[in-house]
Amino acid sequence: MTANNEDPQLKDEDILFLAQEDPSYFSIIVDKYNEPFLRMARGITHSLEEAEDIVQETFLKIYNNAHRFKKQEGIQFKSWAYKVLMNTSFTHYQKLKKTKGNVEYLDPVLYEDNPKLAVGTDFVYQKDARAGIEKIIEKMPEHLGQPLRSYYFDDKSYEDIAKGEKISISTLKMRMFRAKRLFKKLSVEEI
C-alpha cells in the first residue's frame, strides 16, 4: 500500500510511523492538518504569511521528530501535533519580538474566553494547547513560572507583574529571560 491508496482505518499515529519508511505518507498528515494548523496559527499571528511560516516549520518538526512520538494512553497524535504547533508559534513569537520589538499577537491565543478565538479556529485544540503550556509552566520554579503565566495568560504588563512580585523591572526582565529559556528547554523535552 502507498500513500495514494490510503487505508481509511489507519490512524494518524500509524501514518506517521509509515511516513518514517515512506515519506509519501506524510502528505496525508499535511493534507489533513494544514488547514486547521493555518487557522490556528493565523489566529495567533493575524498574518497569513507568518502563519504559513509557522505551519511549515511545524510540519518539519513533526516529521523530523516522528521517532519521538510515543503512543500513550490518553495522548493522541493530534494533541502532540498541536503541542508542536504551539511550541513553534511560541518560538516564532520570541524571534519576532527580538527582531521587531514588542509583538503582542501571541497573547490572545492563551485566553480561554477570548471570543476572537471561536471564529475560524477549533477551540478544543486551543484548550489542549493552553493545557500543554500550563503543564510546562507548572514544572518551572514558582519565581519563573508565575511571571510567565501572568504575562501570557493574564495579559499583565511588566510594570504590573513587577509590582505584584515586589521586584524591579530589570529583575523581572532577567526572570522572564530565564523563564522563557527554561520554557523552551522543557517544551523540547516534552516533544
C-alpha atoms as a PDB file:
ATOM      1  CA  MET A   1       0.000   0.000   0.000  1.00  0.00           C
ATOM      2  CA  THR A   2       1.210   3.535  -0.743  1.00  0.00           C
ATOM      3  CA  ALA A   3       0.081   6.900   0.471  1.00  0.00           C
ATOM      4  CA  ASN A   4      -2.053   7.277  -2.657  1.00  0.00           C
ATOM      5  CA  ASN A   5      -4.334   4.371  -1.714  1.00  0.00           C
ATOM      6  CA  GLU A   6      -4.725   5.370   1.884  1.00  0.00           C
ATOM      7  CA  ASP A   7      -6.396   2.870   4.199  1.00  0.00           C
ATOM      8  CA  PRO A   8      -9.235   4.738   5.947  1.00  0.00           C
ATOM      9  CA  GLN A   9      -8.646   2.555   9.036  1.00  0.00           C
ATOM     10  CA  LEU A  10      -5.147   3.947   9.555  1.00  0.00           C
ATOM     11  CA  LYS A  11      -4.826   6.314  12.482  1.00  0.00           C
ATOM     12  CA  ASP A  12      -2.617   9.370  12.346  1.00  0.00           C
ATOM     13  CA  GLU A  13      -0.073   7.603  14.563  1.00  0.00           C
ATOM     14  CA  ASP A  14       0.115   4.720  12.062  1.00  0.00           C
ATOM     15  CA  ILE A  15       0.523   7.127   9.146  1.00  0.00           C
ATOM     16  CA  LEU A  16       3.327   8.936  10.988  1.00  0.00           C
ATOM     17  CA  PHE A  17       5.057   5.593  11.572  1.00  0.00           C
ATOM     18  CA  LEU A  18       4.662   4.614   7.898  1.00  0.00           C
ATOM     19  CA  ALA A  19       5.996   8.027   6.835  1.00  0.00           C
ATOM     20  CA  GLN A  20       9.288   7.214   8.524  1.00  0.00           C
ATOM     21  CA  GLU A  21       9.753   4.406   5.996  1.00  0.00           C
ATOM     22  CA  ASP A  22       7.957   6.019   3.040  1.00  0.00           C
ATOM     23  CA  PRO A  23       7.893   9.845   3.199  1.00  0.00           C
ATOM     24  CA  SER A  24       4.982   9.990   0.744  1.00  0.00           C
ATOM     25  CA  TYR A  25       2.694   9.001   3.637  1.00  0.00           C
ATOM     26  CA  PHE A  26       3.464  12.269   5.360  1.00  0.00           C
ATOM     27  CA  SER A  27       1.438  14.085   2.698  1.00  0.00           C
ATOM     28  CA  ILE A  28      -1.683  12.510   4.261  1.00  0.00           C
ATOM     29  CA  ILE A  29      -0.885  14.233   7.557  1.00  0.00           C
ATOM     30  CA  VAL A  30      -0.101  17.510   5.812  1.00  0.00           C
ATOM     31  CA  ASP A  31      -3.376  17.365   3.849  1.00  0.00           C
ATOM     32  CA  LYS A  32      -5.370  16.606   6.987  1.00  0.00           C
ATOM     33  CA  TYR A  33      -3.821  19.200   9.307  1.00  0.00           C
ATOM     34  CA  ASN A  34      -2.703  22.020   7.012  1.00  0.00           C
ATOM     35  CA  GLU A  35      -5.964  23.998   7.113  1.00  0.00           C
ATOM     36  CA  PRO A  36      -6.634  23.625  10.871  1.00  0.00           C
ATOM     37  CA  PHE A  37      -2.995  24.488  11.628  1.00  0.00           C
ATOM     38  CA  LEU A  38      -3.205  27.545   9.370  1.00  0.00           C
ATOM     39  CA  ARG A  39      -6.431  28.687  11.062  1.00  0.00           C
ATOM     40  CA  MET A  40      -4.866  28.382  14.490  1.00  0.00           C
ATOM     41  CA  ALA A  41      -1.547  29.975  13.509  1.00  0.00           C
ATOM     42  CA  ARG A  42      -3.361  32.806  11.743  1.00  0.00           C
ATOM     43  CA  GLY A  43      -5.492  33.310  14.849  1.00  0.00           C
ATOM     44  CA  ILE A  44      -2.239  33.712  16.753  1.00  0.00           C
ATOM     45  CA  THR A  45      -0.366  35.890  14.286  1.00  0.00           C
ATOM     46  CA  HIS A  46      -3.178  37.686  12.453  1.00  0.00           C
ATOM     47  CA  SER A  47      -0.890  37.351   9.428  1.00  0.00           C
ATOM     48  CA  LEU A  48      -1.252  34.701   6.736  1.00  0.00           C
ATOM     49  CA  GLU A  49       2.438  34.942   5.821  1.00  0.00           C
ATOM     50  CA  GLU A  50       3.609  34.421   9.418  1.00  0.00           C
ATOM     51  CA  ALA A  51       1.059  31.625   9.879  1.00  0.00           C
ATOM     52  CA  GLU A  52       2.311  29.833   6.773  1.00  0.00           C
ATOM     53  CA  ASP A  53       5.889  30.029   8.066  1.00  0.00           C
ATOM     54  CA  ILE A  54       4.839  28.610  11.441  1.00  0.00           C
ATOM     55  CA  VAL A  55       2.840  25.779   9.859  1.00  0.00           C
ATOM     56  CA  GLN A  56       5.660  24.841   7.506  1.00  0.00           C
ATOM     57  CA  GLU A  57       8.131  24.777  10.385  1.00  0.00           C
ATOM     58  CA  THR A  58       5.664  22.745  12.462  1.00  0.00           C
ATOM     59  CA  PHE A  59       5.355  20.065   9.785  1.00  0.00           C
ATOM     60  CA  LEU A  60       9.134  19.875   9.512  1.00  0.00           C
ATOM     61  CA  LYS A  61       9.425  19.409  13.273  1.00  0.00           C
ATOM     62  CA  ILE A  62       6.712  16.761  13.305  1.00  0.00           C
ATOM     63  CA  TYR A  63       8.389  14.846  10.502  1.00  0.00           C
ATOM     64  CA  ASN A  64      11.915  15.203  11.892  1.00  0.00           C
ATOM     65  CA  ASN A  65      10.778  14.238  15.413  1.00  0.00           C
ATOM     66  CA  ALA A  66       8.373  11.467  14.407  1.00  0.00           C
ATOM     67  CA  HIS A  67      10.576   8.938  16.181  1.00  0.00           C
ATOM     68  CA  ARG A  68       9.937  10.811  19.456  1.00  0.00           C
ATOM     69  CA  PHE A  69       6.181  10.372  19.316  1.00  0.00           C
ATOM     70  CA  LYS A  70       5.184   7.517  21.573  1.00  0.00           C
ATOM     71  CA  LYS A  71       1.562   6.379  21.691  1.00  0.00           C
ATOM     72  CA  GLN A  72       0.468   6.616  25.294  1.00  0.00           C
ATOM     73  CA  GLU A  73      -2.856   6.229  26.999  1.00  0.00           C
ATOM     74  CA  GLY A  74      -4.812   9.445  26.621  1.00  0.00           C
ATOM     75  CA  ILE A  75      -2.302  11.071  24.258  1.00  0.00           C
ATOM     76  CA  GLN A  76      -3.235  11.152  20.619  1.00  0.00           C
ATOM     77  CA  PHE A  77      -1.135  12.257  17.681  1.00  0.00           C
ATOM     78  CA  LYS A  78      -3.472  15.224  17.257  1.00  0.00           C
ATOM     79  CA  SER A  79      -2.654  16.580  20.731  1.00  0.00           C
ATOM     80  CA  TRP A  80       1.061  16.078  20.183  1.00  0.00           C
ATOM     81  CA  ALA A  81       0.896  17.778  16.778  1.00  0.00           C
ATOM     82  CA  TYR A  82      -0.936  20.796  18.201  1.00  0.00           C
ATOM     83  CA  LYS A  83       1.592  20.989  21.010  1.00  0.00           C
ATOM     84  CA  VAL A  84       4.359  21.132  18.400  1.00  0.00           C
ATOM     85  CA  LEU A  85       2.388  23.874  16.621  1.00  0.00           C
ATOM     86  CA  MET A  86       2.026  25.888  19.831  1.00  0.00           C
ATOM     87  CA  ASN A  87       5.689  25.472  20.749  1.00  0.00           C
ATOM     88  CA  THR A  88       6.682  26.532  17.243  1.00  0.00           C
ATOM     89  CA  SER A  89       4.356  29.538  17.484  1.00  0.00           C
ATOM     90  CA  PHE A  90       5.865  30.494  20.842  1.00  0.00           C
ATOM     91  CA  THR A  91       9.415  30.231  19.456  1.00  0.00           C
ATOM     92  CA  HIS A  92       8.414  32.190  16.345  1.00  0.00           C
ATOM     93  CA  TYR A  93       6.871  34.846  18.593  1.00  0.00           C
ATOM     94  CA  GLN A  94      10.089  35.130  20.595  1.00  0.00           C
ATOM     95  CA  LYS A  95      12.158  35.577  17.418  1.00  0.00           C
ATOM     96  CA  LEU A  96       9.793  38.264  16.139  1.00  0.00           C
ATOM     97  CA  LYS A  97       9.832  40.031  19.471  1.00  0.00           C
ATOM     98  CA  LYS A  98      13.641  40.169  19.347  1.00  0.00           C
ATOM     99  CA  THR A  99      13.799  41.399  15.763  1.00  0.00           C
ATOM    100  CA  LYS A 100      10.731  43.637  15.590  1.00  0.00           C
ATOM    101  CA  GLY A 101      10.297  44.794  19.166  1.00  0.00           C
ATOM    102  CA  ASN A 102       7.103  44.314  21.138  1.00  0.00           C
ATOM    103  CA  VAL A 103       4.876  41.837  19.315  1.00  0.00           C
ATOM    104  CA  GLU A 104       1.572  41.194  21.025  1.00  0.00           C
ATOM    105  CA  TYR A 105      -0.097  38.776  18.626  1.00  0.00           C
ATOM    106  CA  LEU A 106       0.567  35.552  20.529  1.00  0.00           C
ATOM    107  CA  ASP A 107      -1.080  36.611  23.755  1.00  0.00           C
ATOM    108  CA  PRO A 108      -4.746  36.226  22.640  1.00  0.00           C
ATOM    109  CA  VAL A 109      -4.376  32.515  21.887  1.00  0.00           C
ATOM    110  CA  LEU A 110      -3.751  31.875  25.565  1.00  0.00           C
ATOM    111  CA  TYR A 111      -7.109  33.200  26.738  1.00  0.00           C
ATOM    112  CA  GLU A 112      -9.934  30.706  27.124  1.00  0.00           C
ATOM    113  CA  ASP A 113     -12.709  33.263  26.955  1.00  0.00           C
ATOM    114  CA  ASN A 114     -11.499  35.371  24.044  1.00  0.00           C
ATOM    115  CA  PRO A 115     -14.384  35.479  21.516  1.00  0.00           C
ATOM    116  CA  LYS A 116     -11.956  36.049  18.637  1.00  0.00           C
ATOM    117  CA  LEU A 117     -10.669  32.525  19.107  1.00  0.00           C
ATOM    118  CA  ALA A 118     -14.001  30.942  18.326  1.00  0.00           C
ATOM    119  CA  VAL A 119     -14.029  32.444  14.845  1.00  0.00           C
ATOM    120  CA  GLY A 120     -12.404  30.054  12.386  1.00  0.00           C
ATOM    121  CA  THR A 121     -10.448  28.034  14.949  1.00  0.00           C
ATOM    122  CA  ASP A 122     -11.009  24.808  16.811  1.00  0.00           C
ATOM    123  CA  PHE A 123     -11.449  25.742  20.459  1.00  0.00           C
ATOM    124  CA  VAL A 124     -10.827  22.182  21.707  1.00  0.00           C
ATOM    125  CA  TYR A 125      -7.320  22.203  20.249  1.00  0.00           C
ATOM    126  CA  GLN A 126      -6.643  25.627  21.687  1.00  0.00           C
ATOM    127  CA  LYS A 127      -7.642  24.409  25.147  1.00  0.00           C
ATOM    128  CA  ASP A 128      -5.308  21.412  24.645  1.00  0.00           C
ATOM    129  CA  ALA A 129      -2.504  23.775  23.677  1.00  0.00           C
ATOM    130  CA  ARG A 130      -3.193  26.003  26.668  1.00  0.00           C
ATOM    131  CA  ALA A 131      -3.211  22.959  28.937  1.00  0.00           C
ATOM    132  CA  GLY A 132       0.109  21.862  27.435  1.00  0.00           C
ATOM    133  CA  ILE A 133       1.654  25.277  28.012  1.00  0.00           C
ATOM    134  CA  GLU A 134       0.279  25.373  31.566  1.00  0.00           C
ATOM    135  CA  LYS A 135       1.710  21.897  32.233  1.00  0.00           C
ATOM    136  CA  ILE A 136       5.164  23.090  31.196  1.00  0.00           C
ATOM    137  CA  ILE A 137       4.883  26.267  33.290  1.00  0.00           C
ATOM    138  CA  GLU A 138       3.879  24.160  36.322  1.00  0.00           C
ATOM    139  CA  LYS A 139       7.220  22.317  36.073  1.00  0.00           C
ATOM    140  CA  MET A 140       9.071  25.599  36.430  1.00  0.00           C
ATOM    141  CA  PRO A 141      10.146  27.150  39.748  1.00  0.00           C
ATOM    142  CA  GLU A 142       7.415  29.486  41.012  1.00  0.00           C
ATOM    143  CA  HIS A 143       9.572  32.640  40.710  1.00  0.00           C
ATOM    144  CA  LEU A 144       9.981  31.924  36.973  1.00  0.00           C
ATOM    145  CA  GLY A 145       6.635  30.326  36.152  1.00  0.00           C
ATOM    146  CA  GLN A 146       4.383  32.889  37.796  1.00  0.00           C
ATOM    147  CA  PRO A 147       5.657  35.931  35.850  1.00  0.00           C
ATOM    148  CA  LEU A 148       5.426  33.966  32.600  1.00  0.00           C
ATOM    149  CA  ARG A 149       1.861  32.901  33.452  1.00  0.00           C
ATOM    150  CA  SER A 150       0.927  36.481  34.390  1.00  0.00           C
ATOM    151  CA  TYR A 151       2.345  37.861  31.156  1.00  0.00           C
ATOM    152  CA  TYR A 152       0.878  35.313  28.738  1.00  0.00           C
ATOM    153  CA  PHE A 153      -2.295  34.129  30.460  1.00  0.00           C
ATOM    154  CA  ASP A 154      -3.330  37.210  32.442  1.00  0.00           C
ATOM    155  CA  ASP A 155      -2.075  39.797  29.898  1.00  0.00           C
ATOM    156  CA  LYS A 156      -0.292  41.781  32.590  1.00  0.00           C
ATOM    157  CA  SER A 157       2.343  44.354  31.692  1.00  0.00           C
ATOM    158  CA  TYR A 158       5.879  44.101  33.011  1.00  0.00           C
ATOM    159  CA  GLU A 159       5.102  47.014  35.326  1.00  0.00           C
ATOM    160  CA  ASP A 160       2.075  45.247  36.833  1.00  0.00           C
ATOM    161  CA  ILE A 161       3.947  41.963  37.218  1.00  0.00           C
ATOM    162  CA  ALA A 162       6.935  43.692  38.861  1.00  0.00           C
ATOM    163  CA  LYS A 163       4.595  45.441  41.329  1.00  0.00           C
ATOM    164  CA  GLY A 164       2.818  42.189  42.141  1.00  0.00           C
ATOM    165  CA  GLU A 165       6.096  40.302  42.603  1.00  0.00           C
ATOM    166  CA  LYS A 166       7.610  43.278  44.504  1.00  0.00           C
ATOM    167  CA  ILE A 167      10.682  43.330  42.276  1.00  0.00           C
ATOM    168  CA  SER A 168      12.275  45.836  39.913  1.00  0.00           C
ATOM    169  CA  ILE A 169      11.602  45.859  36.181  1.00  0.00           C
ATOM    170  CA  SER A 170      15.220  44.855  35.491  1.00  0.00           C
ATOM    171  CA  THR A 171      14.888  41.865  37.861  1.00  0.00           C
ATOM    172  CA  LEU A 172      11.644  40.908  36.139  1.00  0.00           C
ATOM    173  CA  LYS A 173      13.265  41.136  32.706  1.00  0.00           C
ATOM    174  CA  MET A 174      16.029  38.798  33.859  1.00  0.00           C
ATOM    175  CA  ARG A 175      13.458  36.372  35.305  1.00  0.00           C
ATOM    176  CA  MET A 176      11.400  36.480  32.116  1.00  0.00           C
ATOM    177  CA  PHE A 177      14.511  35.806  30.049  1.00  0.00           C
ATOM    178  CA  ARG A 178      15.391  32.823  32.247  1.00  0.00           C
ATOM    179  CA  ALA A 179      11.752  31.657  32.324  1.00  0.00           C
ATOM    180  CA  LYS A 180      11.443  31.732  28.532  1.00  0.00           C
ATOM    181  CA  ARG A 181      14.716  29.887  28.116  1.00  0.00           C
ATOM    182  CA  LEU A 182      13.606  27.246  30.643  1.00  0.00           C
ATOM    183  CA  PHE A 183      10.172  27.029  28.994  1.00  0.00           C
ATOM    184  CA  LYS A 184      11.814  26.339  25.644  1.00  0.00           C
ATOM    185  CA  LYS A 185      14.049  23.662  27.181  1.00  0.00           C
ATOM    186  CA  LEU A 186      11.136  21.976  28.965  1.00  0.00           C
ATOM    187  CA  SER A 187       8.906  22.135  25.886  1.00  0.00           C
ATOM    188  CA  VAL A 188      11.573  20.449  23.762  1.00  0.00           C
ATOM    189  CA  GLU A 189      11.798  17.689  26.381  1.00  0.00           C
ATOM    190  CA  GLU A 190       8.001  17.313  26.223  1.00  0.00           C
ATOM    191  CA  ILE A 191       8.036  16.739  22.454  1.00  0.00           C
END
